[in-house]
């Protein structure tokens, strides 16, 4: 399970995310994009959860609404981030 999260983390780092915070028991890792989005001027976040073996991307749209998308495979996260949907 940790290998899967490390793969998620590698994908996130490749797309400009940096580690932000880890919970005390090590089950959740938060990352944020180093540069803010051009439209919202906010830093997108990713929550990696070892209990569900998933990564959820959170971002704010230009109306200030929070959106999210959850991924169960690092390859799907990589493909989605490559489309620059959260920038």
C-alpha atoms as a PDB file:
ATOM      1  CA  UNK A   1       0.000   0.000   0.000  1.00  0.00           C
ATOM      2  CA  UNK A   2       2.830   2.432   0.787  1.00  0.00           C
ATOM      3  CA  UNK A   3       4.345   1.786  -2.654  1.00  0.00           C
ATOM      4  CA  UNK A   4       1.099   2.978  -4.211  1.00  0.00           C
ATOM      5  CA  UNK A   5       1.170   6.197  -2.164  1.00  0.00           C
ATOM      6  CA  UNK A   6       4.819   6.757  -3.053  1.00  0.00           C
ATOM      7  CA  UNK A   7       3.847   6.457  -6.709  1.00  0.00           C
ATOM      8  CA  UNK A   8       1.080   9.046  -6.174  1.00  0.00           C
ATOM      9  CA  UNK A   9       3.598  11.296  -4.432  1.00  0.00           C
ATOM     10  CA  UNK A  10       6.103  10.962  -7.293  1.00  0.00           C
ATOM     11  CA  UNK A  11       3.409  11.926  -9.811  1.00  0.00           C
ATOM     12  CA  UNK A  12       2.440  14.953  -7.713  1.00  0.00           C
ATOM     13  CA  UNK A  13       6.049  16.096  -7.379  1.00  0.00           C
ATOM     14  CA  UNK A  14       6.503  15.793 -11.165  1.00  0.00           C
ATOM     15  CA  UNK A  15       3.566  18.191 -11.616  1.00  0.00           C
ATOM     16  CA  UNK A  16       4.820  20.877  -9.230  1.00  0.00           C
ATOM     17  CA  UNK A  17       3.346  19.780  -5.896  1.00  0.00           C
ATOM     18  CA  UNK A  18       5.362  19.894  -2.673  1.00  0.00           C
ATOM     19  CA  UNK A  19       4.760  18.176   0.663  1.00  0.00           C
ATOM     20  CA  UNK A  20       2.744  20.324   3.031  1.00  0.00           C
ATOM     21  CA  UNK A  21       1.694  18.304   6.064  1.00  0.00           C
ATOM     22  CA  UNK A  22       1.493  14.710   7.277  1.00  0.00           C
ATOM     23  CA  UNK A  23      -0.855  13.509  10.008  1.00  0.00           C
ATOM     24  CA  UNK A  24       0.739  12.124  13.161  1.00  0.00           C
ATOM     25  CA  UNK A  25      -0.114   8.494  12.429  1.00  0.00           C
ATOM     26  CA  UNK A  26       1.175   8.787   8.863  1.00  0.00           C
ATOM     27  CA  UNK A  27      -2.070   7.760   7.158  1.00  0.00           C
ATOM     28  CA  UNK A  28      -2.626  11.068   5.326  1.00  0.00           C
ATOM     29  CA  UNK A  29      -0.203  13.295   3.445  1.00  0.00           C
ATOM     30  CA  UNK A  30      -1.176  16.746   2.141  1.00  0.00           C
ATOM     31  CA  UNK A  31       0.639  18.386  -0.774  1.00  0.00           C
ATOM     32  CA  UNK A  32       0.133  21.733  -2.469  1.00  0.00           C
ATOM     33  CA  UNK A  33       1.101  23.064  -5.841  1.00  0.00           C
ATOM     34  CA  UNK A  34       4.134  25.343  -5.535  1.00  0.00           C
ATOM     35  CA  UNK A  35       2.689  28.045  -7.769  1.00  0.00           C
ATOM     36  CA  UNK A  36      -0.870  29.398  -7.486  1.00  0.00           C
ATOM     37  CA  UNK A  37      -3.373  28.926 -10.288  1.00  0.00           C
ATOM     38  CA  UNK A  38      -3.507  31.709 -12.864  1.00  0.00           C
ATOM     39  CA  UNK A  39      -7.259  32.269 -12.504  1.00  0.00           C
ATOM     40  CA  UNK A  40      -7.920  31.773  -8.792  1.00  0.00           C
ATOM     41  CA  UNK A  41      -4.489  32.630  -7.394  1.00  0.00           C
ATOM     42  CA  UNK A  42      -4.864  29.735  -4.962  1.00  0.00           C
ATOM     43  CA  UNK A  43      -2.571  26.754  -4.425  1.00  0.00           C
ATOM     44  CA  UNK A  44      -4.199  23.471  -5.398  1.00  0.00           C
ATOM     45  CA  UNK A  45      -3.990  20.663  -2.831  1.00  0.00           C
ATOM     46  CA  UNK A  46      -3.737  16.889  -2.948  1.00  0.00           C
ATOM     47  CA  UNK A  47      -4.648  14.617  -0.063  1.00  0.00           C
ATOM     48  CA  UNK A  48      -3.075  11.146  -0.191  1.00  0.00           C
ATOM     49  CA  UNK A  49      -4.821   8.638   2.045  1.00  0.00           C
ATOM     50  CA  UNK A  50      -3.156   5.320   2.877  1.00  0.00           C
ATOM     51  CA  UNK A  51      -6.390   3.899   4.366  1.00  0.00           C
ATOM     52  CA  UNK A  52      -8.263   4.215   1.066  1.00  0.00           C
ATOM     53  CA  UNK A  53      -5.180   3.992  -1.200  1.00  0.00           C
ATOM     54  CA  UNK A  54      -6.299   7.107  -3.026  1.00  0.00           C
ATOM     55  CA  UNK A  55      -5.312  10.654  -3.877  1.00  0.00           C
ATOM     56  CA  UNK A  56      -7.845  13.497  -3.989  1.00  0.00           C
ATOM     57  CA  UNK A  57      -7.091  16.760  -5.765  1.00  0.00           C
ATOM     58  CA  UNK A  58      -8.819  19.898  -4.449  1.00  0.00           C
ATOM     59  CA  UNK A  59      -8.960  23.195  -6.313  1.00  0.00           C
ATOM     60  CA  UNK A  60     -10.967  26.416  -6.295  1.00  0.00           C
ATOM     61  CA  UNK A  61     -12.687  27.640  -9.448  1.00  0.00           C
ATOM     62  CA  UNK A  62     -12.985  31.289 -10.477  1.00  0.00           C
ATOM     63  CA  UNK A  63     -16.265  31.556  -8.512  1.00  0.00           C
ATOM     64  CA  UNK A  64     -14.487  30.527  -5.315  1.00  0.00           C
ATOM     65  CA  UNK A  65     -16.142  27.097  -5.195  1.00  0.00           C
ATOM     66  CA  UNK A  66     -14.069  24.112  -4.080  1.00  0.00           C
ATOM     67  CA  UNK A  67     -13.971  21.162  -6.466  1.00  0.00           C
ATOM     68  CA  UNK A  68     -12.351  17.767  -6.020  1.00  0.00           C
ATOM     69  CA  UNK A  69     -11.519  14.614  -7.910  1.00  0.00           C
ATOM     70  CA  UNK A  70     -10.369  11.316  -6.371  1.00  0.00           C
ATOM     71  CA  UNK A  71      -7.989   8.867  -8.035  1.00  0.00           C
ATOM     72  CA  UNK A  72      -7.328   5.219  -7.176  1.00  0.00           C
ATOM     73  CA  UNK A  73      -4.468   4.793  -9.676  1.00  0.00           C
ATOM     74  CA  UNK A  74      -1.383   6.999 -10.001  1.00  0.00           C
ATOM     75  CA  UNK A  75      -1.486   6.656 -13.791  1.00  0.00           C
ATOM     76  CA  UNK A  76      -4.955   8.221 -13.861  1.00  0.00           C
ATOM     77  CA  UNK A  77      -3.764  11.072 -11.629  1.00  0.00           C
ATOM     78  CA  UNK A  78      -0.764  11.613 -13.936  1.00  0.00           C
ATOM     79  CA  UNK A  79      -2.979  11.714 -17.044  1.00  0.00           C
ATOM     80  CA  UNK A  80      -5.475  14.100 -15.453  1.00  0.00           C
ATOM     81  CA  UNK A  81      -2.805  16.483 -14.156  1.00  0.00           C
ATOM     82  CA  UNK A  82      -1.139  16.427 -17.560  1.00  0.00           C
ATOM     83  CA  UNK A  83      -4.297  17.981 -19.008  1.00  0.00           C
ATOM     84  CA  UNK A  84      -3.663  21.003 -16.724  1.00  0.00           C
ATOM     85  CA  UNK A  85      -7.236  20.984 -15.520  1.00  0.00           C
ATOM     86  CA  UNK A  86      -6.312  22.319 -12.094  1.00  0.00           C
ATOM     87  CA  UNK A  87      -4.009  25.147 -13.171  1.00  0.00           C
END
